[in-house]
Amino acid sequence: MATNSTDFGRERHLVTSLKRVVELHRHIRLDKAEQARKQFLETLSQRVSERTGLPIETARRQVEAVAVSARKLHEVRWFGGR
C-alpha cells in the first residue's frame, strides 16, 4: 500500500506498465493465431487445388468462402449472431 505520493506514483507506474505488457501479450497471441489460421487456409487451398485441378486462386477463394461461412455459423450458434 502506498504510504506517500512517491510510492503511489511508483505503484501507478507499475500497474500501467503491467497493463501494457498484458495487452502486448494479447496482441502477440492474436497475431500468432491469425498467422496459424492463414497458414492452415493456404495449406488447405493447395490441397484443394491439387486434388480438384482448380487453379490455386480459385481454390483460395473457395476455401476462404467456406471459412467465412463456418465462422458465421459458429457465431450464430454460440453468440446469437453478433
PDB file of N, CA and C in Angstrom:
ATOM      1  N   MET A   1       0.855  -1.176   0.000  1.00  0.00           N
ATOM      2  CA  MET A   1       0.000   0.000   0.000  1.00  0.00           C
ATOM      3  C   MET A   1       0.896   1.232   0.000  1.00  0.00           C
ATOM      4  N   ALA A   2       0.482   2.230  -0.729  1.00  0.00           N
ATOM      5  CA  ALA A   2       1.268   3.458  -0.848  1.00  0.00           C
ATOM      6  C   ALA A   2       1.195   4.254   0.451  1.00  0.00           C
ATOM      7  N   THR A   3       2.369   4.712   0.889  1.00  0.00           N
ATOM      8  CA  THR A   3       2.411   5.498   2.120  1.00  0.00           C
ATOM      9  C   THR A   3       2.602   6.978   1.839  1.00  0.00           C
ATOM     10  N   ASN A   4       3.051   7.311   0.654  1.00  0.00           N
ATOM     11  CA  ASN A   4       3.163   8.714   0.288  1.00  0.00           C
ATOM     12  C   ASN A   4       2.959   8.836  -1.227  1.00  0.00           C
ATOM     13  N   SER A   5       3.015  10.055  -1.706  1.00  0.00           N
ATOM     14  CA  SER A   5       2.719  10.266  -3.124  1.00  0.00           C
ATOM     15  C   SER A   5       3.753   9.622  -4.049  1.00  0.00           C
ATOM     16  N   THR A   6       5.012   9.525  -3.601  1.00  0.00           N
ATOM     17  CA  THR A   6       6.046   8.891  -4.423  1.00  0.00           C
ATOM     18  C   THR A   6       5.758   7.409  -4.588  1.00  0.00           C
ATOM     19  N   ASP A   7       5.397   6.750  -3.478  1.00  0.00           N
ATOM     20  CA  ASP A   7       5.050   5.325  -3.554  1.00  0.00           C
ATOM     21  C   ASP A   7       3.815   5.123  -4.430  1.00  0.00           C
ATOM     22  N   PHE A   8       2.841   5.997  -4.284  1.00  0.00           N
ATOM     23  CA  PHE A   8       1.635   5.890  -5.095  1.00  0.00           C
ATOM     24  C   PHE A   8       1.987   6.036  -6.575  1.00  0.00           C
ATOM     25  N   GLY A   9       2.862   6.975  -6.893  1.00  0.00           N
ATOM     26  CA  GLY A   9       3.287   7.177  -8.281  1.00  0.00           C
ATOM     27  C   GLY A   9       3.988   5.947  -8.834  1.00  0.00           C
ATOM     28  N   ARG A  10       4.828   5.326  -8.033  1.00  0.00           N
ATOM     29  CA  ARG A  10       5.529   4.110  -8.466  1.00  0.00           C
ATOM     30  C   ARG A  10       4.543   2.972  -8.703  1.00  0.00           C
ATOM     31  N   GLU A  11       3.599   2.819  -7.773  1.00  0.00           N
ATOM     32  CA  GLU A  11       2.601   1.754  -7.929  1.00  0.00           C
ATOM     33  C   GLU A  11       1.756   1.995  -9.177  1.00  0.00           C
ATOM     34  N   ARG A  12       1.382   3.228  -9.380  1.00  0.00           N
ATOM     35  CA  ARG A  12       0.579   3.560 -10.564  1.00  0.00           C
ATOM     36  C   ARG A  12       1.374   3.262 -11.837  1.00  0.00           C
ATOM     37  N   HIS A  13       2.661   3.614 -11.841  1.00  0.00           N
ATOM     38  CA  HIS A  13       3.516   3.337 -12.990  1.00  0.00           C
ATOM     39  C   HIS A  13       3.625   1.831 -13.236  1.00  0.00           C
ATOM     40  N   LEU A  14       3.803   1.052 -12.156  1.00  0.00           N
ATOM     41  CA  LEU A  14       3.903  -0.400 -12.288  1.00  0.00           C
ATOM     42  C   LEU A  14       2.608  -1.001 -12.837  1.00  0.00           C
ATOM     43  N   VAL A  15       1.481  -0.530 -12.360  1.00  0.00           N
ATOM     44  CA  VAL A  15       0.191  -1.028 -12.839  1.00  0.00           C
ATOM     45  C   VAL A  15       0.021  -0.695 -14.319  1.00  0.00           C
ATOM     46  N   THR A  16       0.358   0.529 -14.695  1.00  0.00           N
ATOM     47  CA  THR A  16       0.265   0.937 -16.097  1.00  0.00           C
ATOM     48  C   THR A  16       1.191   0.085 -16.960  1.00  0.00           C
ATOM     49  N   SER A  17       2.395  -0.142 -16.497  1.00  0.00           N
ATOM     50  CA  SER A  17       3.349  -0.965 -17.249  1.00  0.00           C
ATOM     51  C   SER A  17       2.850  -2.395 -17.386  1.00  0.00           C
ATOM     52  N   LEU A  18       2.301  -2.933 -16.318  1.00  0.00           N
ATOM     53  CA  LEU A  18       1.772  -4.289 -16.360  1.00  0.00           C
ATOM     54  C   LEU A  18       0.612  -4.387 -17.352  1.00  0.00           C
ATOM     55  N   LYS A  19      -0.255  -3.396 -17.355  1.00  0.00           N
ATOM     56  CA  LYS A  19      -1.364  -3.392 -18.312  1.00  0.00           C
ATOM     57  C   LYS A  19      -0.851  -3.393 -19.744  1.00  0.00           C
ATOM     58  N   ARG A  20       0.204  -2.623 -19.999  1.00  0.00           N
ATOM     59  CA  ARG A  20       0.790  -2.590 -21.353  1.00  0.00           C
ATOM     60  C   ARG A  20       1.358  -3.946 -21.735  1.00  0.00           C
ATOM     61  N   VAL A  21       2.033  -4.604 -20.799  1.00  0.00           N
ATOM     62  CA  VAL A  21       2.612  -5.923 -21.069  1.00  0.00           C
ATOM     63  C   VAL A  21       1.507  -6.937 -21.369  1.00  0.00           C
ATOM     64  N   VAL A  22       0.463  -6.925 -20.579  1.00  0.00           N
ATOM     65  CA  VAL A  22      -0.655  -7.847 -20.794  1.00  0.00           C
ATOM     66  C   VAL A  22      -1.286  -7.601 -22.166  1.00  0.00           C
ATOM     67  N   GLU A  23      -1.491  -6.350 -22.521  1.00  0.00           N
ATOM     68  CA  GLU A  23      -2.077  -6.020 -23.823  1.00  0.00           C
ATOM     69  C   GLU A  23      -1.161  -6.467 -24.962  1.00  0.00           C
ATOM     70  N   LEU A  24       0.133  -6.274 -24.811  1.00  0.00           N
ATOM     71  CA  LEU A  24       1.091  -6.698 -25.821  1.00  0.00           C
ATOM     72  C   LEU A  24       1.042  -8.214 -26.006  1.00  0.00           C
ATOM     73  N   HIS A  25       0.996  -8.957 -24.911  1.00  0.00           N
ATOM     74  CA  HIS A  25       0.926 -10.414 -24.995  1.00  0.00           C
ATOM     75  C   HIS A  25      -0.367 -10.862 -25.658  1.00  0.00           C
ATOM     76  N   ARG A  26      -1.460 -10.159 -25.388  1.00  0.00           N
ATOM     77  CA  ARG A  26      -2.733 -10.495 -26.022  1.00  0.00           C
ATOM     78  C   ARG A  26      -2.624 -10.305 -27.530  1.00  0.00           C
ATOM     79  N   HIS A  27      -2.012  -9.195 -27.955  1.00  0.00           N
ATOM     80  CA  HIS A  27      -1.843  -8.949 -29.387  1.00  0.00           C
ATOM     81  C   HIS A  27      -0.931  -9.991 -30.031  1.00  0.00           C
ATOM     82  N   ILE A  28       0.114 -10.387 -29.313  1.00  0.00           N
ATOM     83  CA  ILE A  28       1.020 -11.408 -29.845  1.00  0.00           C
ATOM     84  C   ILE A  28       0.269 -12.721 -30.041  1.00  0.00           C
ATOM     85  N   ARG A  29      -0.539 -13.105 -29.057  1.00  0.00           N
ATOM     86  CA  ARG A  29      -1.322 -14.340 -29.180  1.00  0.00           C
ATOM     87  C   ARG A  29      -2.277 -14.244 -30.357  1.00  0.00           C
ATOM     88  N   LEU A  30      -2.938 -13.096 -30.511  1.00  0.00           N
ATOM     89  CA  LEU A  30      -3.864 -12.927 -31.627  1.00  0.00           C
ATOM     90  C   LEU A  30      -3.131 -12.973 -32.958  1.00  0.00           C
ATOM     91  N   ASP A  31      -1.956 -12.343 -33.022  1.00  0.00           N
ATOM     92  CA  ASP A  31      -1.164 -12.377 -34.254  1.00  0.00           C
ATOM     93  C   ASP A  31      -0.748 -13.800 -34.598  1.00  0.00           C
ATOM     94  N   LYS A  32      -0.316 -14.558 -33.604  1.00  0.00           N
ATOM     95  CA  LYS A  32       0.092 -15.940 -33.847  1.00  0.00           C
ATOM     96  C   LYS A  32      -1.099 -16.780 -34.298  1.00  0.00           C
ATOM     97  N   ALA A  33      -2.244 -16.561 -33.689  1.00  0.00           N
ATOM     98  CA  ALA A  33      -3.442 -17.299 -34.081  1.00  0.00           C
ATOM     99  C   ALA A  33      -3.834 -16.948 -35.510  1.00  0.00           C
ATOM    100  N   GLU A  34      -3.740 -15.688 -35.874  1.00  0.00           N
ATOM    101  CA  GLU A  34      -4.076 -15.266 -37.236  1.00  0.00           C
ATOM    102  C   GLU A  34      -3.082 -15.848 -38.239  1.00  0.00           C
ATOM    103  N   GLN A  35      -1.811 -15.871 -37.896  1.00  0.00           N
ATOM    104  CA  GLN A  35      -0.808 -16.471 -38.781  1.00  0.00           C
ATOM    105  C   GLN A  35      -1.073 -17.961 -38.960  1.00  0.00           C
ATOM    106  N   ALA A  36      -1.417 -18.637 -37.885  1.00  0.00           N
ATOM    107  CA  ALA A  36      -1.713 -20.072 -37.959  1.00  0.00           C
ATOM    108  C   ALA A  36      -2.947 -20.309 -38.828  1.00  0.00           C
ATOM    109  N   ARG A  37      -3.956 -19.457 -38.676  1.00  0.00           N
ATOM    110  CA  ARG A  37      -5.172 -19.584 -39.485  1.00  0.00           C
ATOM    111  C   ARG A  37      -4.849 -19.405 -40.968  1.00  0.00           C
ATOM    112  N   LYS A  38      -4.068 -18.382 -41.284  1.00  0.00           N
ATOM    113  CA  LYS A  38      -3.695 -18.132 -42.678  1.00  0.00           C
ATOM    114  C   LYS A  38      -2.899 -19.291 -43.258  1.00  0.00           C
ATOM    115  N   GLN A  39      -1.964 -19.821 -42.472  1.00  0.00           N
ATOM    116  CA  GLN A  39      -1.159 -20.953 -42.943  1.00  0.00           C
ATOM    117  C   GLN A  39      -2.042 -22.169 -43.181  1.00  0.00           C
ATOM    118  N   PHE A  40      -2.974 -22.427 -42.270  1.00  0.00           N
ATOM    119  CA  PHE A  40      -3.884 -23.558 -42.431  1.00  0.00           C
ATOM    120  C   PHE A  40      -4.719 -23.393 -43.697  1.00  0.00           C
ATOM    121  N   LEU A  41      -5.275 -22.200 -43.911  1.00  0.00           N
ATOM    122  CA  LEU A  41      -6.094 -21.966 -45.105  1.00  0.00           C
ATOM    123  C   LEU A  41      -5.267 -22.088 -46.377  1.00  0.00           C
ATOM    124  N   GLU A  42      -4.015 -21.641 -46.348  1.00  0.00           N
ATOM    125  CA  GLU A  42      -3.150 -21.767 -47.517  1.00  0.00           C
ATOM    126  C   GLU A  42      -2.854 -23.232 -47.819  1.00  0.00           C
ATOM    127  N   THR A  43      -2.541 -24.009 -46.789  1.00  0.00           N
ATOM    128  CA  THR A  43      -2.280 -25.437 -46.972  1.00  0.00           C
ATOM    129  C   THR A  43      -3.519 -26.137 -47.515  1.00  0.00           C
ATOM    130  N   LEU A  44      -4.663 -25.805 -46.944  1.00  0.00           N
ATOM    131  CA  LEU A  44      -5.916 -26.391 -47.400  1.00  0.00           C
ATOM    132  C   LEU A  44      -6.202 -25.994 -48.850  1.00  0.00           C
ATOM    133  N   SER A  45      -5.939 -24.747 -49.198  1.00  0.00           N
ATOM    134  CA  SER A  45      -6.133 -24.286 -50.574  1.00  0.00           C
ATOM    135  C   SER A  45      -5.248 -25.064 -51.542  1.00  0.00           C
ATOM    136  N   GLN A  46      -4.015 -25.297 -51.167  1.00  0.00           N
ATOM    137  CA  GLN A  46      -3.104 -26.056 -52.023  1.00  0.00           C
ATOM    138  C   GLN A  46      -3.596 -27.484 -52.219  1.00  0.00           C
ATOM    139  N   ARG A  47      -4.071 -28.084 -51.151  1.00  0.00           N
ATOM    140  CA  ARG A  47      -4.591 -29.457 -51.257  1.00  0.00           C
ATOM    141  C   ARG A  47      -5.827 -29.515 -52.141  1.00  0.00           C
ATOM    142  N   VAL A  48      -6.727 -28.547 -51.966  1.00  0.00           N
ATOM    143  CA  VAL A  48      -7.930 -28.492 -52.804  1.00  0.00           C
ATOM    144  C   VAL A  48      -7.523 -28.335 -54.267  1.00  0.00           C
ATOM    145  N   SER A  49      -6.586 -27.448 -54.538  1.00  0.00           N
ATOM    146  CA  SER A  49      -6.115 -27.214 -55.901  1.00  0.00           C
ATOM    147  C   SER A  49      -5.512 -28.489 -56.494  1.00  0.00           C
ATOM    148  N   GLU A  50      -4.672 -29.168 -55.729  1.00  0.00           N
ATOM    149  CA  GLU A  50      -4.033 -30.398 -56.218  1.00  0.00           C
ATOM    150  C   GLU A  50      -5.041 -31.495 -56.508  1.00  0.00           C
ATOM    151  N   ARG A  51      -6.013 -31.651 -55.620  1.00  0.00           N
ATOM    152  CA  ARG A  51      -6.938 -32.773 -55.743  1.00  0.00           C
ATOM    153  C   ARG A  51      -8.072 -32.521 -56.734  1.00  0.00           C
ATOM    154  N   THR A  52      -8.415 -31.257 -56.956  1.00  0.00           N
ATOM    155  CA  THR A  52      -9.531 -30.955 -57.860  1.00  0.00           C
ATOM    156  C   THR A  52      -9.073 -30.434 -59.209  1.00  0.00           C
ATOM    157  N   GLY A  53      -7.831 -29.999 -59.282  1.00  0.00           N
ATOM    158  CA  GLY A  53      -7.342 -29.426 -60.532  1.00  0.00           C
ATOM    159  C   GLY A  53      -7.730 -27.959 -60.708  1.00  0.00           C
ATOM    160  N   LEU A  54      -8.344 -27.372 -59.686  1.00  0.00           N
ATOM    161  CA  LEU A  54      -8.689 -25.948 -59.759  1.00  0.00           C
ATOM    162  C   LEU A  54      -7.419 -25.110 -59.705  1.00  0.00           C
ATOM    163  N   PRO A  55      -7.427 -23.957 -60.347  1.00  0.00           N
ATOM    164  CA  PRO A  55      -6.298 -23.037 -60.178  1.00  0.00           C
ATOM    165  C   PRO A  55      -6.206 -22.625 -58.706  1.00  0.00           C
ATOM    166  N   ILE A  56      -5.002 -22.352 -58.235  1.00  0.00           N
ATOM    167  CA  ILE A  56      -4.788 -22.051 -56.820  1.00  0.00           C
ATOM    168  C   ILE A  56      -5.607 -20.850 -56.355  1.00  0.00           C
ATOM    169  N   GLU A  57      -5.745 -19.826 -57.187  1.00  0.00           N
ATOM    170  CA  GLU A  57      -6.532 -18.646 -56.790  1.00  0.00           C
ATOM    171  C   GLU A  57      -8.006 -19.007 -56.587  1.00  0.00           C
ATOM    172  N   THR A  58      -8.532 -19.833 -57.443  1.00  0.00           N
ATOM    173  CA  THR A  58      -9.930 -20.281 -57.301  1.00  0.00           C
ATOM    174  C   THR A  58     -10.078 -21.109 -56.031  1.00  0.00           C
ATOM    175  N   ALA A  59      -9.126 -21.999 -55.794  1.00  0.00           N
ATOM    176  CA  ALA A  59      -9.177 -22.822 -54.581  1.00  0.00           C
ATOM    177  C   ALA A  59      -9.109 -21.944 -53.338  1.00  0.00           C
ATOM    178  N   ARG A  60      -8.249 -20.908 -53.354  1.00  0.00           N
ATOM    179  CA  ARG A  60      -8.155 -19.988 -52.204  1.00  0.00           C
ATOM    180  C   ARG A  60      -9.496 -19.296 -51.945  1.00  0.00           C
ATOM    181  N   ARG A  61     -10.113 -18.813 -53.007  1.00  0.00           N
ATOM    182  CA  ARG A  61     -11.413 -18.136 -52.839  1.00  0.00           C
ATOM    183  C   ARG A  61     -12.451 -19.088 -52.268  1.00  0.00           C
ATOM    184  N   GLN A  62     -12.476 -20.326 -52.759  1.00  0.00           N
ATOM    185  CA  GLN A  62     -13.442 -21.307 -52.278  1.00  0.00           C
ATOM    186  C   GLN A  62     -13.200 -21.646 -50.800  1.00  0.00           C
ATOM    187  N   VAL A  63     -11.948 -21.870 -50.453  1.00  0.00           N
ATOM    188  CA  VAL A  63     -11.608 -22.204 -49.059  1.00  0.00           C
ATOM    189  C   VAL A  63     -11.953 -21.038 -48.146  1.00  0.00           C
ATOM    190  N   GLU A  64     -11.622 -19.825 -48.556  1.00  0.00           N
ATOM    191  CA  GLU A  64     -11.935 -18.646 -47.733  1.00  0.00           C
ATOM    192  C   GLU A  64     -13.446 -18.489 -47.571  1.00  0.00           C
ATOM    193  N   ALA A  65     -14.199 -18.729 -48.626  1.00  0.00           N
ATOM    194  CA  ALA A  65     -15.666 -18.626 -48.543  1.00  0.00           C
ATOM    195  C   ALA A  65     -16.229 -19.629 -47.544  1.00  0.00           C
ATOM    196  N   VAL A  66     -15.706 -20.842 -47.577  1.00  0.00           N
ATOM    197  CA  VAL A  66     -16.160 -21.857 -46.618  1.00  0.00           C
ATOM    198  C   VAL A  66     -15.761 -21.464 -45.195  1.00  0.00           C
ATOM    199  N   ALA A  67     -14.561 -20.922 -45.038  1.00  0.00           N
ATOM    200  CA  ALA A  67     -14.100 -20.499 -43.711  1.00  0.00           C
ATOM    201  C   ALA A  67     -14.984 -19.382 -43.159  1.00  0.00           C
ATOM    202  N   VAL A  68     -15.337 -18.421 -43.989  1.00  0.00           N
ATOM    203  CA  VAL A  68     -16.211 -17.328 -43.559  1.00  0.00           C
ATOM    204  C   VAL A  68     -17.581 -17.868 -43.169  1.00  0.00           C
ATOM    205  N   SER A  69     -18.124 -18.762 -43.983  1.00  0.00           N
ATOM    206  CA  SER A  69     -19.434 -19.353 -43.667  1.00  0.00           C
ATOM    207  C   SER A  69     -19.385 -20.120 -42.346  1.00  0.00           C
ATOM    208  N   ALA A  70     -18.320 -20.868 -42.139  1.00  0.00           N
ATOM    209  CA  ALA A  70     -18.185 -21.640 -40.895  1.00  0.00           C
ATOM    210  C   ALA A  70     -18.087 -20.711 -39.693  1.00  0.00           C
ATOM    211  N   ARG A  71     -17.345 -19.614 -39.843  1.00  0.00           N
ATOM    212  CA  ARG A  71     -17.209 -18.658 -38.745  1.00  0.00           C
ATOM    213  C   ARG A  71     -18.560 -18.025 -38.411  1.00  0.00           C
ATOM    214  N   LYS A  72     -19.311 -17.645 -39.446  1.00  0.00           N
ATOM    215  CA  LYS A  72     -20.633 -17.043 -39.211  1.00  0.00           C
ATOM    216  C   LYS A  72     -21.568 -18.034 -38.536  1.00  0.00           C
ATOM    217  N   LEU A  73     -21.541 -19.283 -38.994  1.00  0.00           N
ATOM    218  CA  LEU A  73     -22.384 -20.309 -38.381  1.00  0.00           C
ATOM    219  C   LEU A  73     -22.012 -20.503 -36.917  1.00  0.00           C
ATOM    220  N   HIS A  74     -20.716 -20.518 -36.628  1.00  0.00           N
ATOM    221  CA  HIS A  74     -20.242 -20.652 -35.240  1.00  0.00           C
ATOM    222  C   HIS A  74     -20.741 -19.485 -34.393  1.00  0.00           C
ATOM    223  N   GLU A  75     -20.657 -18.270 -34.926  1.00  0.00           N
ATOM    224  CA  GLU A  75     -21.112 -17.098 -34.178  1.00  0.00           C
ATOM    225  C   GLU A  75     -22.599 -17.164 -33.894  1.00  0.00           C
ATOM    226  N   VAL A  76     -23.380 -17.605 -34.869  1.00  0.00           N
ATOM    227  CA  VAL A  76     -24.827 -17.696 -34.671  1.00  0.00           C
ATOM    228  C   VAL A  76     -25.143 -18.725 -33.601  1.00  0.00           C
ATOM    229  N   ARG A  77     -24.482 -19.863 -33.677  1.00  0.00           N
ATOM    230  CA  ARG A  77     -24.755 -20.932 -32.706  1.00  0.00           C
ATOM    231  C   ARG A  77     -24.315 -20.569 -31.301  1.00  0.00           C
ATOM    232  N   TRP A  78     -23.150 -19.944 -31.159  1.00  0.00           N
ATOM    233  CA  TRP A  78     -22.591 -19.686 -29.834  1.00  0.00           C
ATOM    234  C   TRP A  78     -22.892 -18.308 -29.278  1.00  0.00           C
ATOM    235  N   PHE A  79     -23.027 -17.324 -30.147  1.00  0.00           N
ATOM    236  CA  PHE A  79     -23.148 -15.950 -29.653  1.00  0.00           C
ATOM    237  C   PHE A  79     -24.423 -15.259 -30.102  1.00  0.00           C
ATOM    238  N   GLY A  80     -25.314 -15.984 -30.716  1.00  0.00           N
ATOM    239  CA  GLY A  80     -26.578 -15.391 -31.119  1.00  0.00           C
ATOM    240  C   GLY A  80     -26.456 -14.452 -32.312  1.00  0.00           C
ATOM    241  N   GLY A  81     -25.428 -14.605 -33.116  1.00  0.00           N
ATOM    242  CA  GLY A  81     -25.309 -13.859 -34.369  1.00  0.00           C
ATOM    243  C   GLY A  81     -24.855 -12.437 -34.239  1.00  0.00           C
ATOM    244  N   ARG A  82     -23.969 -12.148 -33.347  1.00  0.00           N
ATOM    245  CA  ARG A  82     -23.466 -10.778 -33.187  1.00  0.00           C
ATOM    246  C   ARG A  82     -22.928 -10.211 -34.447  1.00  0.00           C
TER     247      ARG A  82
END
